[in-house]
Amino acid sequence: MTDALVENQLFRFTPAFVLDPQRVVDEIGGKRSGRYVTLSLVAPRATLLIDQDGKIIVHGCRKQDLAHLAAKEVLLRLGEAESGMTFEVGPVVASFDFETTISLEGVPDLYPEAVLDTELDCLRIDDNRHEIKMLLFRNGRGIATEARHVKLVAMAARRWKQRLSDENLLG
């Protein structure tokens, strides 16, 4: 099994001042979408959401320093200083590959935290031990959401691969 790969990491930045989302629309071309204002950046490549409280949510960056540059660019384009800006790290979306097929049908009978999703043809696993949600597909690939760190995803994936192997559910 290869290690888990971060596909997306959520970062939320709070400027030291109250950022009016309408300024982002009026001054730098943000687009209003419901309660949020969205802004796409090319370099660094990221999508930003400015919520009604003026917090900047950065999607599409895997690393904190790139997300910080994206939030900083918004503030600088508005003519504001970034000093005093705080940040929070949100959930990780990561992928992994068991490198073998999985027999999905037998899993829910053995593990109640796994549910067969017939629409996606995968297992939905609510892994409370590692505090993540996983999707496992027949081809052995998986996606983890709501993880606090990519290492937790790797640990959960190894544990589930071992559990499925012990029950002869891997190809």
Protein backbone atom coordinates (compact mmCIF):
# COMPACT_ATOMS: atom_id res chain seq x y z
CA MET A 1 0.00 0.00 0.00
CA THR A 2 1.25 3.45 -0.84
CA ASP A 3 1.03 6.19 1.76
CA ALA A 4 -1.94 8.49 1.94
CA LEU A 5 -1.77 11.50 -0.34
CA VAL A 6 -3.27 14.83 0.68
CA GLU A 7 -5.72 15.94 -2.00
CA ASN A 8 -7.02 19.02 -0.19
CA GLN A 9 -6.52 20.77 3.12
CA LEU A 10 -8.83 23.43 4.49
CA PHE A 11 -7.35 26.57 6.03
CA ARG A 12 -9.28 29.45 7.61
CA PHE A 13 -7.65 32.84 8.11
CA THR A 14 -9.08 35.60 10.30
CA PRO A 15 -7.76 39.08 9.57
CA ALA A 16 -7.04 41.42 12.49
CA PHE A 17 -9.82 43.70 11.19
CA VAL A 18 -13.38 42.94 10.09
CA LEU A 19 -13.17 42.19 6.37
CA ASP A 20 -16.31 43.22 4.51
CA PRO A 21 -17.01 40.53 1.87
CA GLN A 22 -18.63 43.17 -0.37
CA ARG A 23 -15.23 44.90 -0.67
CA VAL A 24 -13.83 41.72 -2.23
CA VAL A 25 -16.64 41.86 -4.82
CA ASP A 26 -16.32 45.59 -5.50
CA GLU A 27 -12.54 46.00 -5.43
CA ILE A 28 -10.95 42.77 -6.63
CA GLY A 29 -13.61 40.90 -8.60
CA GLY A 30 -14.98 38.37 -6.15
CA LYS A 31 -18.26 36.67 -7.04
CA ARG A 32 -21.16 36.49 -4.62
CA SER A 33 -22.50 32.97 -4.07
CA GLY A 34 -25.17 32.86 -1.40
CA ARG A 35 -23.70 33.93 1.93
CA TYR A 36 -20.13 33.68 0.60
CA VAL A 37 -17.94 35.58 -1.79
CA THR A 38 -15.68 33.39 -3.94
CA LEU A 39 -12.41 34.32 -5.54
CA SER A 40 -10.16 32.12 -7.67
CA LEU A 41 -6.43 32.73 -7.74
CA VAL A 42 -3.98 31.49 -10.34
CA ALA A 43 -0.76 31.78 -8.33
CA PRO A 44 -0.94 30.28 -5.84
CA ARG A 45 -3.70 28.18 -7.35
CA ALA A 46 -6.51 28.31 -4.82
CA THR A 47 -10.19 29.02 -4.36
CA LEU A 48 -11.06 31.38 -1.55
CA LEU A 49 -14.35 31.83 0.22
CA ILE A 50 -14.95 34.92 2.30
CA ASP A 51 -17.74 34.27 4.76
CA GLN A 52 -20.17 36.81 6.21
CA ASP A 53 -17.89 37.26 9.25
CA GLY A 54 -14.95 38.24 7.02
CA LYS A 55 -12.98 35.02 7.50
CA ILE A 56 -11.02 33.77 4.50
CA ILE A 57 -11.38 30.06 3.81
CA VAL A 58 -8.75 28.69 1.44
CA HIS A 59 -9.41 25.52 -0.60
CA GLY A 60 -7.07 23.81 -3.02
CA CYS A 61 -3.76 24.27 -1.22
CA ARG A 62 -2.02 21.35 0.39
CA LYS A 63 0.42 23.39 2.42
CA GLN A 64 -0.13 26.10 4.97
CA ASP A 65 2.45 28.49 3.52
CA LEU A 66 0.73 28.51 0.12
CA ALA A 67 -2.68 29.02 1.72
CA HIS A 68 -1.21 31.89 3.74
CA LEU A 69 0.12 33.48 0.54
CA ALA A 70 -3.35 33.23 -1.02
CA ALA A 71 -5.03 34.92 1.96
CA LYS A 72 -2.25 37.53 2.08
CA GLU A 73 -2.74 38.32 -1.62
CA VAL A 74 -6.42 39.14 -1.00
CA LEU A 75 -5.55 41.51 1.82
CA LEU A 76 -2.73 43.19 -0.11
CA ARG A 77 -4.96 43.68 -3.17
CA LEU A 78 -7.44 45.38 -0.84
CA GLY A 79 -4.66 47.60 0.50
CA GLU A 80 -4.78 46.04 3.96
CA ALA A 81 -1.96 44.74 6.13
CA GLU A 82 -1.83 41.04 6.98
CA SER A 83 -0.25 41.56 10.40
CA GLY A 84 -2.27 40.06 13.21
CA MET A 85 -4.02 37.57 10.94
CA THR A 86 -4.65 34.24 12.65
CA PHE A 87 -5.34 30.86 11.07
CA GLU A 88 -6.96 27.53 11.79
CA VAL A 89 -6.23 24.24 10.07
CA GLY A 90 -9.32 22.37 8.99
CA PRO A 91 -9.96 18.83 7.79
CA VAL A 92 -7.85 16.92 5.28
CA VAL A 93 -9.14 15.06 2.24
CA ALA A 94 -6.69 12.31 1.34
CA SER A 95 -6.53 9.31 -1.00
CA PHE A 96 -4.83 5.95 -0.71
CA ASP A 97 -4.62 2.66 -2.62
CA PHE A 98 -4.65 -0.89 -1.22
CA GLU A 99 -3.24 -2.08 -4.58
CA THR A 100 -5.68 -4.99 -4.60
CA THR A 101 -9.42 -5.46 -5.07
CA ILE A 102 -11.93 -5.58 -2.23
CA SER A 103 -14.97 -7.84 -1.85
CA LEU A 104 -17.38 -5.22 -0.55
CA GLU A 105 -20.43 -7.37 0.14
CA GLY A 106 -19.02 -9.26 3.13
CA VAL A 107 -17.73 -6.26 5.02
CA PRO A 108 -20.92 -4.77 6.58
CA ASP A 109 -21.80 -8.13 8.17
CA LEU A 110 -18.41 -8.23 9.92
CA TYR A 111 -17.95 -4.55 10.74
CA PRO A 112 -21.02 -2.49 11.69
CA GLU A 113 -19.13 0.80 11.08
CA ALA A 114 -19.01 -0.07 7.37
CA VAL A 115 -22.09 0.48 5.21
CA LEU A 116 -22.44 -0.53 1.56
CA ASP A 117 -23.27 2.46 -0.64
CA THR A 118 -24.93 0.96 -3.72
CA GLU A 119 -25.12 4.29 -5.54
CA LEU A 120 -21.34 4.78 -5.48
CA ASP A 121 -20.56 1.04 -5.27
CA CYS A 122 -18.27 1.50 -2.30
CA LEU A 123 -18.08 1.09 1.45
CA ARG A 124 -18.73 4.08 3.67
CA ILE A 125 -16.77 3.67 6.86
CA ASP A 126 -17.14 5.87 9.91
CA ASP A 127 -13.82 5.16 11.62
CA ASN A 128 -14.26 6.55 15.14
CA ARG A 129 -10.87 5.23 16.24
CA HIS A 130 -9.05 7.57 13.83
CA GLU A 131 -11.86 10.14 13.65
CA ILE A 132 -12.24 10.00 9.87
CA LYS A 133 -14.79 9.00 7.29
CA MET A 134 -13.64 6.76 4.46
CA LEU A 135 -14.91 5.57 1.11
CA LEU A 136 -13.42 2.24 -0.03
CA PHE A 137 -13.97 1.20 -3.64
CA ARG A 138 -13.84 -2.29 -5.22
CA ASN A 139 -10.61 -1.46 -7.02
CA GLY A 140 -8.84 -0.95 -3.69
CA ARG A 141 -8.71 2.80 -3.80
CA GLY A 142 -9.94 4.89 -0.94
CA ILE A 143 -10.76 8.45 -0.01
CA ALA A 144 -10.70 9.79 3.52
CA THR A 145 -12.50 12.93 4.61
CA GLU A 146 -12.77 14.91 7.80
CA ALA A 147 -9.30 13.78 8.92
CA ARG A 148 -7.19 15.91 11.23
CA HIS A 149 -3.92 14.80 9.66
CA VAL A 150 -2.72 12.72 6.72
CA LYS A 151 -0.87 10.38 9.11
CA LEU A 152 -4.20 9.42 10.69
CA VAL A 153 -5.47 8.54 7.21
CA ALA A 154 -2.44 6.31 6.60
CA MET A 155 -2.91 4.61 9.99
CA ALA A 156 -6.61 4.02 9.36
CA ALA A 157 -5.95 2.69 5.85
CA ARG A 158 -3.32 0.23 7.13
CA ARG A 159 -5.69 -0.93 9.89
CA TRP A 160 -8.56 -1.49 7.47
CA LYS A 161 -6.35 -3.26 4.97
CA GLN A 162 -5.22 -5.64 7.71
CA ARG A 163 -8.78 -6.21 8.95
CA LEU A 164 -10.02 -6.98 5.43
CA SER A 165 -7.03 -9.21 4.75
CA ASP A 166 -7.67 -11.16 7.97
CA GLU A 167 -11.20 -11.89 6.73
CA ASN A 168 -10.01 -12.84 3.19
CA LEU A 169 -11.92 -9.96 1.62
CA LEU A 170 -8.98 -8.68 -0.44
CA GLY A 171 -8.28 -9.93 -3.95
